[in-house]
Each structure stands twice: as structure tokens, then as C-alpha cells.
C-alpha atoms as a PDB file:
ATOM      1  CA  MET A   1     127.901 168.814  53.704  1.00  0.00           C
ATOM      2  CA  SER A   2     124.987 171.181  53.728  1.00  0.00           C
ATOM      3  CA  GLY A   3     121.377 170.643  52.872  1.00  0.00           C
ATOM      4  CA  ASP A   4     121.728 173.042  49.889  1.00  0.00           C
ATOM      5  CA  ARG A   5     124.141 170.623  48.148  1.00  0.00           C
ATOM      6  CA  PRO A   6     122.792 167.170  48.876  1.00  0.00           C
ATOM      7  CA  SER A   7     124.889 164.123  48.100  1.00  0.00           C
ATOM      8  CA  PRO A   8     123.753 161.862  45.236  1.00  0.00           C
ATOM      9  CA  LEU A   9     123.597 159.097  47.866  1.00  0.00           C
ATOM     10  CA  VAL A  10     121.017 159.967  50.484  1.00  0.00           C
ATOM     11  CA  ILE A  11     122.661 157.632  53.006  1.00  0.00           C
ATOM     12  CA  GLU A  12     125.870 159.661  52.728  1.00  0.00           C
ATOM     13  CA  ARG A  13     123.999 162.808  53.635  1.00  0.00           C
ATOM     14  CA  ILE A  14     122.232 161.075  56.526  1.00  0.00           C
ATOM     15  CA  LEU A  15     125.539 159.895  57.980  1.00  0.00           C
ATOM     16  CA  ARG A  16     127.580 163.032  57.294  1.00  0.00           C
ATOM     17  CA  ASP A  17     124.940 165.722  57.834  1.00  0.00           C
ATOM     18  CA  ARG A  18     122.470 164.213  60.246  1.00  0.00           C
ATOM     19  CA  GLU A  19     121.918 167.566  61.962  1.00  0.00           C
ATOM     20  CA  GLY A  20     120.940 169.022  58.598  1.00  0.00           C
ATOM     21  CA  ILE A  21     118.491 166.133  58.093  1.00  0.00           C
ATOM     22  CA  TRP A  22     116.887 166.735  61.488  1.00  0.00           C
ATOM     23  CA  GLN A  23     116.613 170.469  60.848  1.00  0.00           C
ATOM     24  CA  GLN A  24     115.008 169.810  57.474  1.00  0.00           C
ATOM     25  CA  ILE A  25     112.437 167.544  59.130  1.00  0.00           C
ATOM     26  CA  VAL A  26     111.786 170.151  61.831  1.00  0.00           C
ATOM     27  CA  ALA A  27     111.221 172.854  59.196  1.00  0.00           C
ATOM     28  CA  GLU A  28     109.298 170.445  56.891  1.00  0.00           C
ATOM     29  CA  GLY A  29     111.467 171.634  54.025  1.00  0.00           C
ATOM     30  CA  ASP A  30     111.023 169.591  50.823  1.00  0.00           C
ATOM     31  CA  LEU A  31     110.195 166.436  52.788  1.00  0.00           C
ATOM     32  CA  ASN A  32     108.438 164.772  49.861  1.00  0.00           C
ATOM     33  CA  LYS A  33     111.655 164.698  47.827  1.00  0.00           C
ATOM     34  CA  LEU A  34     113.747 163.568  50.776  1.00  0.00           C
ATOM     35  CA  THR A  35     111.301 160.791  51.678  1.00  0.00           C
ATOM     36  CA  GLY A  36     111.113 159.652  48.054  1.00  0.00           C
ATOM     37  CA  ARG A  37     114.907 159.391  47.823  1.00  0.00           C
ATOM     38  CA  MET A  38     115.077 157.415  51.051  1.00  0.00           C
ATOM     39  CA  LEU A  39     112.299 155.080  49.916  1.00  0.00           C
ATOM     40  CA  THR A  40     114.021 154.398  46.580  1.00  0.00           C
ATOM     41  CA  SER A  41     117.432 153.831  48.161  1.00  0.00           C
ATOM     42  CA  SER A  42     115.992 151.515  50.793  1.00  0.00           C
ATOM     43  CA  ALA A  43     114.057 149.442  48.266  1.00  0.00           C
ATOM     44  CA  ILE A  44     117.144 148.952  46.069  1.00  0.00           C
ATOM     45  CA  ALA A  45     119.388 148.060  49.006  1.00  0.00           C
ATOM     46  CA  LEU A  46     116.889 145.602  50.491  1.00  0.00           C
ATOM     47  CA  ALA A  47     116.326 144.002  47.091  1.00  0.00           C
ATOM     48  CA  CYS A  48     120.071 143.408  46.711  1.00  0.00           C
ATOM     49  CA  TYR A  49     120.344 141.918  50.158  1.00  0.00           C
ATOM     50  CA  GLY A  50     117.239 139.781  49.618  1.00  0.00           C
ATOM     51  CA  ALA A  51     118.785 138.355  46.447  1.00  0.00           C
ATOM     52  CA  VAL A  52     121.815 137.212  48.468  1.00  0.00           C
ATOM     53  CA  LEU A  53     119.508 135.482  50.956  1.00  0.00           C
ATOM     54  CA  GLY A  54     117.569 133.652  48.246  1.00  0.00           C
ATOM     55  CA  PHE A  55     120.658 132.465  46.362  1.00  0.00           C
ATOM     56  CA  PHE A  56     121.170 129.867  49.076  1.00  0.00           C
ATOM     57  CA  HIS A  57     118.282 127.922  47.490  1.00  0.00           C
ATOM     58  CA  SER A  58     118.054 128.867  43.810  1.00  0.00           C
ATOM     59  CA  PRO A  59     118.071 131.835  41.414  1.00  0.00           C
ATOM     60  CA  LEU A  60     114.266 131.801  41.438  1.00  0.00           C
ATOM     61  CA  MET A  61     114.249 132.086  45.232  1.00  0.00           C
ATOM     62  CA  ALA A  62     116.767 134.927  44.944  1.00  0.00           C
ATOM     63  CA  LEU A  63     114.339 136.795  42.696  1.00  0.00           C
ATOM     64  CA  THR A  64     111.365 136.307  45.018  1.00  0.00           C
ATOM     65  CA  SER A  65     113.405 137.282  48.101  1.00  0.00           C
ATOM     66  CA  ALA A  66     114.546 140.432  46.291  1.00  0.00           C
ATOM     67  CA  LEU A  67     110.859 141.331  45.932  1.00  0.00           C
ATOM     68  CA  LYS A  68     109.683 140.228  49.367  1.00  0.00           C
ATOM     69  CA  LEU A  69     112.336 141.854  51.592  1.00  0.00           C
ATOM     70  CA  PRO A  70     111.525 145.458  50.523  1.00  0.00           C
ATOM     71  CA  LEU A  71     107.831 144.522  50.769  1.00  0.00           C
ATOM     72  CA  LEU A  72     108.390 143.351  54.336  1.00  0.00           C
ATOM     73  CA  PHE A  73     109.720 146.743  55.482  1.00  0.00           C
ATOM     74  CA  LEU A  74     107.152 148.723  53.497  1.00  0.00           C
ATOM     75  CA  VAL A  75     104.139 146.803  54.825  1.00  0.00           C
ATOM     76  CA  THR A  76     105.485 146.970  58.396  1.00  0.00           C
ATOM     77  CA  LEU A  77     105.804 150.734  57.992  1.00  0.00           C
ATOM     78  CA  VAL A  78     102.237 151.015  56.653  1.00  0.00           C
ATOM     79  CA  ILE A  79     100.898 149.001  59.593  1.00  0.00           C
ATOM     80  CA  CYS A  80     102.813 150.808  62.356  1.00  0.00           C
ATOM     81  CA  LEU A  81     103.066 154.434  61.162  1.00  0.00           C
ATOM     82  CA  PRO A  82      99.442 155.376  62.024  1.00  0.00           C
ATOM     83  CA  THR A  83     100.038 154.142  65.565  1.00  0.00           C
ATOM     84  CA  LEU A  84     103.111 156.351  65.970  1.00  0.00           C
ATOM     85  CA  TYR A  85     101.298 159.376  64.578  1.00  0.00           C
ATOM     86  CA  LEU A  86      98.200 158.902  66.759  1.00  0.00           C
ATOM     87  CA  PHE A  87     100.334 158.283  69.845  1.00  0.00           C
ATOM     88  CA  ASN A  88     101.911 161.692  69.303  1.00  0.00           C
ATOM     89  CA  LEU A  89      98.568 163.404  68.723  1.00  0.00           C
ATOM     90  CA  VAL A  90      96.997 161.933  71.854  1.00  0.00           C
ATOM     91  CA  PHE A  91      99.814 163.229  74.049  1.00  0.00           C
ATOM     92  CA  GLY A  92      99.949 166.715  72.575  1.00  0.00           C
ATOM     93  CA  ALA A  93     102.850 166.427  70.132  1.00  0.00           C
ATOM     94  CA  ARG A  94     102.758 168.597  67.026  1.00  0.00           C
ATOM     95  CA  LEU A  95     104.355 166.230  64.513  1.00  0.00           C
ATOM     96  CA  SER A  96     102.783 166.068  61.077  1.00  0.00           C
ATOM     97  CA  VAL A  97     102.338 162.873  59.085  1.00  0.00           C
ATOM     98  CA  ARG A  98     105.182 163.903  56.768  1.00  0.00           C
ATOM     99  CA  GLN A  99     107.537 164.481  59.684  1.00  0.00           C
ATOM    100  CA  SER A 100     106.660 161.118  61.242  1.00  0.00           C
ATOM    101  CA  LEU A 101     107.133 159.342  57.914  1.00  0.00           C
ATOM    102  CA  ALA A 102     110.457 161.055  57.246  1.00  0.00           C
ATOM    103  CA  LEU A 103     111.760 160.118  60.708  1.00  0.00           C
ATOM    104  CA  VAL A 104     110.879 156.442  60.285  1.00  0.00           C
ATOM    105  CA  MET A 105     112.282 156.423  56.750  1.00  0.00           C
ATOM    106  CA  VAL A 106     115.629 157.663  58.080  1.00  0.00           C
ATOM    107  CA  ALA A 107     115.732 154.610  60.347  1.00  0.00           C
ATOM    108  CA  ILE A 108     114.738 152.231  57.543  1.00  0.00           C
ATOM    109  CA  THR A 109     117.284 153.758  55.159  1.00  0.00           C
ATOM    110  CA  VAL A 110     120.116 153.340  57.654  1.00  0.00           C
ATOM    111  CA  THR A 111     118.969 149.761  58.356  1.00  0.00           C
ATOM    112  CA  SER A 112     118.794 148.791  54.698  1.00  0.00           C
ATOM    113  CA  MET A 113     122.108 150.390  53.752  1.00  0.00           C
ATOM    114  CA  LEU A 114     123.916 148.786  56.662  1.00  0.00           C
ATOM    115  CA  ALA A 115     122.395 145.417  55.740  1.00  0.00           C
ATOM    116  CA  VAL A 116     123.535 145.664  52.127  1.00  0.00           C
ATOM    117  CA  ALA A 117     127.002 146.599  53.381  1.00  0.00           C
ATOM    118  CA  PHE A 118     127.054 143.170  55.070  1.00  0.00           C
ATOM    119  CA  ALA A 119     125.982 141.448  51.829  1.00  0.00           C
ATOM    120  CA  PRO A 120     129.554 140.557  50.720  1.00  0.00           C
ATOM    121  CA  ILE A 121     130.170 138.896  54.113  1.00  0.00           C
ATOM    122  CA  SER A 122     126.916 136.960  53.820  1.00  0.00           C
ATOM    123  CA  LEU A 123     127.810 135.920  50.281  1.00  0.00           C
ATOM    124  CA  PHE A 124     131.261 134.799  51.438  1.00  0.00           C
ATOM    125  CA  PHE A 125     129.772 132.417  54.011  1.00  0.00           C
ATOM    126  CA  LEU A 126     127.207 131.256  51.466  1.00  0.00           C
ATOM    127  CA  ILE A 127     130.064 130.080  49.233  1.00  0.00           C
ATOM    128  CA  THR A 128     132.479 128.760  51.855  1.00  0.00           C
ATOM    129  CA  ALA A 129     130.123 127.362  54.545  1.00  0.00           C
ATOM    130  CA  ASN A 130     127.092 125.827  52.902  1.00  0.00           C
ATOM    131  CA  ASP A 131     125.170 125.205  56.117  1.00  0.00           C
ATOM    132  CA  TYR A 132     121.512 126.219  56.135  1.00  0.00           C
ATOM    133  CA  GLY A 133     121.139 126.704  59.900  1.00  0.00           C
ATOM    134  CA  PHE A 134     124.309 128.768  60.261  1.00  0.00           C
ATOM    135  CA  PHE A 135     123.515 130.884  57.202  1.00  0.00           C
ATOM    136  CA  LYS A 136     120.029 131.626  58.512  1.00  0.00           C
ATOM    137  CA  LEU A 137     121.227 132.664  61.976  1.00  0.00           C
ATOM    138  CA  LEU A 138     124.044 134.749  60.495  1.00  0.00           C
ATOM    139  CA  ASN A 139     121.656 136.816  58.405  1.00  0.00           C
ATOM    140  CA  VAL A 140     119.105 137.173  61.187  1.00  0.00           C
ATOM    141  CA  ALA A 141     121.919 138.601  63.346  1.00  0.00           C
ATOM    142  CA  ILE A 142     122.952 140.961  60.532  1.00  0.00           C
ATOM    143  CA  LEU A 143     119.408 142.258  60.116  1.00  0.00           C
ATOM    144  CA  ALA A 144     118.946 142.616  63.880  1.00  0.00           C
ATOM    145  CA  LEU A 145     122.179 144.612  64.230  1.00  0.00           C
ATOM    146  CA  SER A 146     121.276 146.816  61.269  1.00  0.00           C
ATOM    147  CA  ALA A 147     117.818 147.444  62.733  1.00  0.00           C
ATOM    148  CA  LEU A 148     119.258 148.438  66.115  1.00  0.00           C
ATOM    149  CA  VAL A 149     121.515 151.020  64.475  1.00  0.00           C
ATOM    150  CA  GLY A 150     118.611 152.347  62.391  1.00  0.00           C
ATOM    151  CA  LEU A 151     116.367 152.659  65.428  1.00  0.00           C
ATOM    152  CA  ARG A 152     119.151 154.533  67.216  1.00  0.00           C
ATOM    153  CA  PHE A 153     118.901 157.142  64.475  1.00  0.00           C
ATOM    154  CA  LEU A 154     115.138 157.267  65.022  1.00  0.00           C
ATOM    155  CA  THR A 155     115.488 158.005  68.734  1.00  0.00           C
ATOM    156  CA  SER A 156     118.148 160.646  68.008  1.00  0.00           C
ATOM    157  CA  GLY A 157     115.830 162.382  65.551  1.00  0.00           C
ATOM    158  CA  MET A 158     112.932 162.316  67.994  1.00  0.00           C
ATOM    159  CA  GLN A 159     115.175 163.826  70.656  1.00  0.00           C
ATOM    160  CA  VAL A 160     116.037 166.710  68.316  1.00  0.00           C
ATOM    161  CA  LEU A 161     112.335 167.287  67.667  1.00  0.00           C
ATOM    162  CA  ASN A 162     111.777 167.229  71.410  1.00  0.00           C
ATOM    163  CA  ASP A 163     114.461 169.915  71.854  1.00  0.00           C
ATOM    164  CA  HIS A 164     112.501 172.047  69.366  1.00  0.00           C
ATOM    165  CA  GLY A 165     109.293 171.567  71.367  1.00  0.00           C
ATOM    166  CA  LEU A 166     107.509 169.433  68.754  1.00  0.00           C
ATOM    167  CA  LEU A 167     106.859 166.537  71.129  1.00  0.00           C
ATOM    168  CA  ALA A 168     105.151 168.636  73.791  1.00  0.00           C
ATOM    169  CA  ALA A 169     101.904 170.550  73.875  1.00  0.00           C
ATOM    170  CA  PRO A 170     102.288 174.213  72.794  1.00  0.00           C
ATOM    171  CA  SER A 171     101.996 175.587  76.324  1.00  0.00           C
ATOM    172  CA  THR A 172     104.538 173.095  77.659  1.00  0.00           C
ATOM    173  CA  ALA A 173     106.922 173.759  74.805  1.00  0.00           C
ATOM    174  CA  ASN A 174     106.781 177.514  75.366  1.00  0.00           C
ATOM    175  CA  ALA A 175     107.347 177.016  79.066  1.00  0.00           C
ATOM    176  CA  GLN A 176     110.434 174.921  78.378  1.00  0.00           C
ATOM    177  CA  VAL A 177     111.861 177.458  75.956  1.00  0.00           C
ATOM    178  CA  ASN A 178     111.289 180.371  78.351  1.00  0.00           C
ATOM    179  CA  ALA A 179     112.284 178.492  81.517  1.00  0.00           C
ATOM    180  CA  HIS A 180     115.723 180.014  81.668  1.00  0.00           C
ATOM    181  CA  ALA A 181     114.560 183.521  80.795  1.00  0.00           C
ATOM    182  CA  THR A 182     111.845 183.551  83.477  1.00  0.00           C
ATOM    183  CA  ALA A 183     113.780 181.706  86.181  1.00  0.00           C
ATOM    184  CA  PRO A 184     114.145 183.921  89.289  1.00  0.00           C
ATOM    185  CA  ALA A 185     117.636 184.947  90.252  1.00  0.00           C
ATOM    186  CA  PRO A 186     119.098 183.235  93.332  1.00  0.00           C
ATOM    187  CA  ALA A 187     118.366 185.092  96.540  1.00  0.00           C
ATOM    188  CA  ALA A 188     121.244 187.103  97.925  1.00  0.00           C
ATOM    189  CA  PRO A 189     122.703 185.733 101.180  1.00  0.00           C
ATOM    190  CA  ALA A 190     122.012 187.456 104.449  1.00  0.00           C
ATOM    191  CA  LEU A 191     124.713 189.894 105.405  1.00  0.00           C
ATOM    192  CA  VAL A 192     126.325 189.989 108.824  1.00  0.00           C
ATOM    193  CA  PRO A 193     127.648 193.412 109.763  1.00  0.00           C
ATOM    194  CA  THR A 194     131.275 193.591 110.656  1.00  0.00           C
ATOM    195  CA  ALA A 195     133.518 196.254 112.034  1.00  0.00           C
ATOM    196  CA  SER A 196     135.859 196.027 109.118  1.00  0.00           C
ATOM    197  CA  ALA A 197     135.719 193.463 106.340  1.00  0.00           C
ATOM    198  CA  PRO A 198     138.601 193.025 103.944  1.00  0.00           C
ATOM    199  CA  ALA A 199     137.761 192.582 100.303  1.00  0.00           C
ATOM    200  CA  ALA A 200     139.258 189.114 100.152  1.00  0.00           C
ATOM    201  CA  ALA A 201     141.550 186.885 102.142  1.00  0.00           C
ATOM    202  CA  PRO A 202     144.106 184.469 100.767  1.00  0.00           C
ATOM    203  CA  ALA A 203     144.060 180.774 101.641  1.00  0.00           C
ATOM    204  CA  VAL A 204     146.346 179.698 104.459  1.00  0.00           C
ATOM    205  CA  GLY A 205     149.277 177.445 103.720  1.00  0.00           C
ATOM    206  CA  ALA A 206     152.357 177.498 101.550  1.00  0.00           C
ATOM    207  CA  GLY A 207     151.896 176.466  97.962  1.00  0.00           C
ATOM    208  CA  ALA A 208     148.099 176.497  98.224  1.00  0.00           C
ATOM    209  CA  GLU A 209     145.903 178.082  95.612  1.00  0.00           C
ATOM    210  CA  LEU A 210     144.492 181.462  96.519  1.00  0.00           C
ATOM    211  CA  ALA A 211     140.830 181.327  97.450  1.00  0.00           C
ATOM    212  CA  THR A 212     138.904 184.533  97.702  1.00  0.00           C
ATOM    213  CA  VAL A 213     135.533 184.989  99.314  1.00  0.00           C
ATOM    214  CA  PRO A 214     133.430 188.091  98.778  1.00  0.00           C
ATOM    215  CA  ALA A 215     133.322 190.241 101.846  1.00  0.00           C
ATOM    216  CA  ALA A 216     129.544 190.558 101.512  1.00  0.00           C
ATOM    217  CA  VAL A 217     129.072 186.903 102.429  1.00  0.00           C
ATOM    218  CA  ALA A 218     131.774 186.681 105.121  1.00  0.00           C
ATOM    219  CA  VAL A 219     130.594 185.626 108.567  1.00  0.00           C
ATOM    220  CA  ALA A 220     131.997 187.469 111.549  1.00  0.00           C
ATOM    221  CA  GLU A 221     133.072 185.729 114.738  1.00  0.00           C
ATOM    222  CA  PRO A 222     132.370 187.410 118.061  1.00  0.00           C
ATOM    223  CA  ALA A 223     135.524 188.221 120.021  1.00  0.00           C
ATOM    224  CA  PRO A 224     135.806 187.184 123.680  1.00  0.00           C
ATOM    225  CA  ASN A 225     135.514 190.789 124.885  1.00  0.00           C
ATOM    226  CA  GLY A 226     132.299 191.325 122.964  1.00  0.00           C
ATOM    227  CA  ALA A 227     133.900 193.291 120.142  1.00  0.00           C
ATOM    228  CA  THR A 228     133.357 192.295 116.583  1.00  0.00           C
ATOM    229  CA  ALA A 229     136.331 190.523 115.095  1.00  0.00           C
ATOM    230  CA  ALA A 230     137.387 190.366 111.506  1.00  0.00           C
ATOM    231  CA  PRO A 231     135.500 187.836 109.457  1.00  0.00           C
ATOM    232  CA  ALA A 232     136.948 184.397 109.273  1.00  0.00           C
ATOM    233  CA  HIS A 233     137.645 182.873 105.930  1.00  0.00           C
ATOM    234  CA  VAL A 234     137.776 179.238 104.859  1.00  0.00           C
ATOM    235  CA  PRO A 235     140.896 178.254 102.977  1.00  0.00           C
ATOM    236  CA  ALA A 236     140.654 176.650  99.590  1.00  0.00           C
ATOM    237  CA  GLN A 237     140.207 172.885  99.501  1.00  0.00           C
ATOM    238  CA  GLY A 238     143.526 171.157  99.635  1.00  0.00           C
ATOM    239  CA  SER A 239     145.308 174.134 101.207  1.00  0.00           C
ATOM    240  CA  GLY A 240     147.870 173.749 103.926  1.00  0.00           C
ATOM    241  CA  GLN A 241     145.816 175.023 106.859  1.00  0.00           C
ATOM    242  CA  ALA A 242     147.105 173.941 110.226  1.00  0.00           C
ATOM    243  CA  ALA A 243     145.427 170.855 111.649  1.00  0.00           C
ATOM    244  CA  GLY A 244     142.852 171.530 114.325  1.00  0.00           C
ATOM    245  CA  ALA A 245     142.207 175.121 113.281  1.00  0.00           C
ATOM    246  CA  PRO A 246     138.481 175.899 113.387  1.00  0.00           C
ATOM    247  CA  GLN A 247     136.796 176.242 110.012  1.00  0.00           C
ATOM    248  CA  VAL A 248     133.903 178.642 109.652  1.00  0.00           C
ATOM    249  CA  SER A 249     131.669 178.379 106.622  1.00  0.00           C
ATOM    250  CA  THR A 250     131.756 181.570 104.609  1.00  0.00           C
ATOM    251  CA  LEU A 251     128.615 180.687 102.683  1.00  0.00           C
ATOM    252  CA  PRO A 252     125.128 180.467 104.170  1.00  0.00           C
ATOM    253  CA  PRO A 253     123.327 177.098 103.954  1.00  0.00           C
ATOM    254  CA  GLY A 254     121.962 176.490 100.464  1.00  0.00           C
ATOM    255  CA  TYR A 255     124.112 179.204  98.906  1.00  0.00           C
ATOM    256  CA  PRO A 256     125.418 178.049  95.488  1.00  0.00           C
ATOM    257  CA  HIS A 257     129.097 177.189  95.381  1.00  0.00           C
ATOM    258  CA  SER A 258     129.404 178.212  91.749  1.00  0.00           C
ATOM    259  CA  TRP A 259     127.382 180.446  89.484  1.00  0.00           C
ATOM    260  CA  ASN A 260     128.042 177.866  86.778  1.00  0.00           C
ATOM    261  CA  ASP A 261     126.030 175.317  88.719  1.00  0.00           C
ATOM    262  CA  ARG A 262     123.776 173.489  86.267  1.00  0.00           C
ATOM    263  CA  SER A 263     120.669 173.841  88.401  1.00  0.00           C
ATOM    264  CA  ILE A 264     121.133 177.621  88.412  1.00  0.00           C
ATOM    265  CA  ARG A 265     121.831 177.957  84.710  1.00  0.00           C
ATOM    266  CA  ARG A 266     119.093 175.632  83.516  1.00  0.00           C
ATOM    267  CA  GLY A 267     116.574 175.633  86.310  1.00  0.00           C
ATOM    268  CA  GLU A 268     114.716 172.505  87.349  1.00  0.00           C
ATOM    269  CA  PRO A 269     115.208 169.540  84.982  1.00  0.00           C
ATOM    270  CA  THR A 270     112.295 169.032  82.669  1.00  0.00           C
ATOM    271  CA  GLN A 271     110.490 165.729  82.522  1.00  0.00           C
ATOM    272  CA  ARG A 272     110.789 163.486  79.483  1.00  0.00           C
ATOM    273  CA  PRO A 273     107.706 164.031  77.296  1.00  0.00           C
ATOM    274  CA  ALA A 274     105.250 161.164  77.009  1.00  0.00           C
ATOM    275  CA  SER A 275     105.958 160.989  73.287  1.00  0.00           C
ATOM    276  CA  MET A 276     109.558 159.870  73.922  1.00  0.00           C
ATOM    277  CA  THR A 277     108.381 157.115  76.258  1.00  0.00           C
ATOM    278  CA  LEU A 278     105.772 155.992  73.767  1.00  0.00           C
ATOM    279  CA  LEU A 279     108.432 155.945  71.047  1.00  0.00           C
ATOM    280  CA  TYR A 280     110.218 153.086  72.788  1.00  0.00           C
ATOM    281  CA  ILE A 281     106.921 151.231  73.124  1.00  0.00           C
ATOM    282  CA  TRP A 282     106.304 151.819  69.423  1.00  0.00           C
ATOM    283  CA  ILE A 283     109.764 150.480  68.556  1.00  0.00           C
ATOM    284  CA  LEU A 284     108.923 147.221  70.343  1.00  0.00           C
ATOM    285  CA  LEU A 285     105.621 147.091  68.485  1.00  0.00           C
ATOM    286  CA  PHE A 286     107.416 147.716  65.191  1.00  0.00           C
ATOM    287  CA  GLY A 287     109.811 144.861  65.943  1.00  0.00           C
ATOM    288  CA  PHE A 288     107.046 142.380  66.823  1.00  0.00           C
ATOM    289  CA  VAL A 289     104.998 143.271  63.751  1.00  0.00           C
ATOM    290  CA  GLY A 290     108.065 143.056  61.499  1.00  0.00           C
ATOM    291  CA  THR A 291     109.194 139.657  62.754  1.00  0.00           C
ATOM    292  CA  GLN A 292     105.711 138.161  62.555  1.00  0.00           C
ATOM    293  CA  LEU A 293     105.229 139.560  59.049  1.00  0.00           C
ATOM    294  CA  ALA A 294     108.615 138.125  58.026  1.00  0.00           C
ATOM    295  CA  TRP A 295     107.433 134.736  59.249  1.00  0.00           C
ATOM    296  CA  THR A 296     104.222 135.119  57.252  1.00  0.00           C
ATOM    297  CA  LEU A 297     106.079 136.099  54.045  1.00  0.00           C
ATOM    298  CA  ARG A 298     108.668 133.325  54.324  1.00  0.00           C
ATOM    299  CA  PRO A 299     110.645 131.741  52.765  1.00  0.00           C
ATOM    300  CA  PHE A 300     113.435 134.260  52.275  1.00  0.00           C
ATOM    301  CA  PHE A 301     116.308 131.759  52.458  1.00  0.00           C
ATOM    302  CA  GLY A 302     114.636 128.647  51.130  1.00  0.00           C
ATOM    303  CA  ASP A 303     115.232 125.314  52.821  1.00  0.00           C
ATOM    304  CA  PRO A 304     117.409 123.286  50.407  1.00  0.00           C
ATOM    305  CA  GLY A 305     115.521 120.153  51.428  1.00  0.00           C
ATOM    306  CA  GLN A 306     112.218 121.526  50.088  1.00  0.00           C
ATOM    307  CA  ASP A 307     111.001 122.542  46.678  1.00  0.00           C
ATOM    308  CA  PHE A 308     110.630 126.177  45.684  1.00  0.00           C
ATOM    309  CA  ALA A 309     107.522 127.876  47.098  1.00  0.00           C
ATOM    310  CA  PHE A 310     106.539 131.511  47.014  1.00  0.00           C
ATOM    311  CA  PHE A 311     104.922 131.221  50.480  1.00  0.00           C
ATOM    312  CA  ARG A 312     104.863 128.577  53.185  1.00  0.00           C
ATOM    313  CA  SER A 313     101.898 127.537  55.261  1.00  0.00           C
ATOM    314  CA  ILE A 314     101.307 129.720  58.339  1.00  0.00           C
ATOM    315  CA  ASP A 315     102.288 127.661  61.372  1.00  0.00           C
ATOM    316  CA  GLY A 316     104.496 128.291  64.387  1.00  0.00           C
ATOM    317  CA  ASN A 317     106.229 131.626  64.873  1.00  0.00           C
ATOM    318  CA  PHE A 318     109.520 133.374  64.212  1.00  0.00           C
ATOM    319  CA  TYR A 319     110.953 133.062  67.721  1.00  0.00           C
ATOM    320  CA  ALA A 320     110.235 129.344  68.067  1.00  0.00           C
ATOM    321  CA  GLU A 321     111.938 128.748  64.716  1.00  0.00           C
ATOM    322  CA  ILE A 322     115.049 130.649  65.804  1.00  0.00           C
ATOM    323  CA  LEU A 323     115.281 128.633  69.039  1.00  0.00           C
ATOM    324  CA  ARG A 324     114.817 125.384  67.115  1.00  0.00           C
ATOM    325  CA  THR A 325     117.558 126.370  64.667  1.00  0.00           C
ATOM    326  CA  ILE A 326     119.980 127.176  67.499  1.00  0.00           C
ATOM    327  CA  ALA A 327     119.217 123.821  69.148  1.00  0.00           C
ATOM    328  CA  ASN A 328     119.920 121.961  65.891  1.00  0.00           C
ATOM    329  CA  LEU A 329     123.325 123.558  65.252  1.00  0.00           C
END
């Protein structure tokens, strides 16, 4: 599916044509429309999933959870996006605000759509296993799994931008692009003169594969009488050479065994840009901010032993509550 004929469902295009999405973000082509579609789809999906969470308590809680779950992701994005953008600027990346926003929205869209895909399973356990602690842990696990998949899309998109040189300073990016073109050719091996050098010699042994060595890199062995003997050749690996026969290396030390060697074709491996390292730090920050904000905006499920409340008092933290719930199961 190409970018010229987008699917009515933006998640379908993200999953089927992710390379097209990355290229559109790289080129900054019509990002406002793409971001708007992702924002709308995410809000609808999160509202549907939030309604399932709130139905454990009451229809009124379902309505408030349908409002608060999209708000949770939106506010977390507003808090953390400036940090991601400034991190990239400080370390020389050339990402624009629109590109950064579009990348994060891809992750949020995947997260929200995967979560709403789990909604029927969550609703099934809501009907058949009316246990508050189990239902809460089940949905926390669903959201955590969905978030991990969404963040995997974020790192993939950042890697594509890195391949296009958008995460490195301009001089570094140009150097990476031209590394192969400017890499010096491997030095030719030193030649040892011989009296007569055959073009190639077959490997010794019946049934062995033929191994040929260029005569230019053959090494001659001095004969006992001082004359120059024919160059000795090393049989191919696995050939049937007689045991105990001396083997003479036909290649000088350091000479490449194959012109397809990766270090020759690509040169020295480039270092990971600082922006990619900072992305993982930002993902942790995004997770901590999101979980703490979720605790602040609670309840989403609604404890059946308490009356309806739009917000609870701010005490404790998300992680202590999860450990307490596990201990009480």
C-alpha cells in the first residue's frame, strides 16, 4: 500500500506500509494531516478501551474513564515531547518539531489500537471473573504490552531517521554517507618474484573443491640448490591434502580473505549517535511520567467497595499499589 493511496484506517497503513510512513516523516510530507489522523484514531481507541475499564464499577465510571484515558496519553505527550526535541537539538540532530511529534504519535497510535484490540478479552474477564484485583492486573499487563510494541515502532522510526542522517550533525551525516565512496582501496600485497608462476593451481585431494590463488600473491619457496622453485599453493579448506605436508600461506598477513568482507565494503563501523542513546533514556522518562500521571488521574477501574469519584486523593504511588495488589491476590 503506497502513501499516494492511504488506507481509511491509519493503523492499517502504519502496519502494512511502515516504510512509507518513515519516508513521509523524513520528507516532512503532509505531516499535519497524518498526525491529525493518528491523534483522532488514538483518542477514539483509548476512549473505547477506557469505557471497558470503567464498566467494572458503573456506567458513570465508564464514561469518565473514556474521557480520562485519552487525556492521560495526551498530557504525557505534552509533558515529554519538548524534552525529546531539545535532547535532539543539543546533540546535533536535525529533527523538526513536526517530525518528533509524528514519530511519537506513531507509537501512541500503535499502543492505543493494540489496547482496543484486547478490549473484548478484557470485557470477557469482566463478565466471567468479577475479581477487582485480577481485573486490574490484567489490564495493566495489557497496557504495558501494548506500550512496549508501540515503543518498538518508535525506535524503528528513529533508526530510519538515523540512516538518513537526521540524528547526526550535518558534518557527521555527510561523512557517514560518503564513507564508502572515500574509503581507500586495500593495499596490494607485496609480490615475490618467481621463475615461473602458473596462473592458478588446483587443490590437492580427490573430491575436493578447486581452490585457485592468484599468481600475483603466490609465495615462492627457495629450492635446496638455491634455485627458485614454483610457488606453493594452499589447498582449499576441507581438501584431501596428505597429512604432514607443509602448508605455506599464499596470502600476506592482514590480506583480506574475501573482497566481500564487510569491513572492506562498509569501512569502519560507525558509532551509534547520541540521539539514539538518549531516545532510550527518554522512553524511560515517558514511562515514569505516564505511570505517575495515571496514578494522579485515577480511578480508571473504580474500586467496587467505594463510591463513585472523579479523582482520588493523591497518596502513595503506582508501583506500590501494583505490588500491594499482587500480594492480595
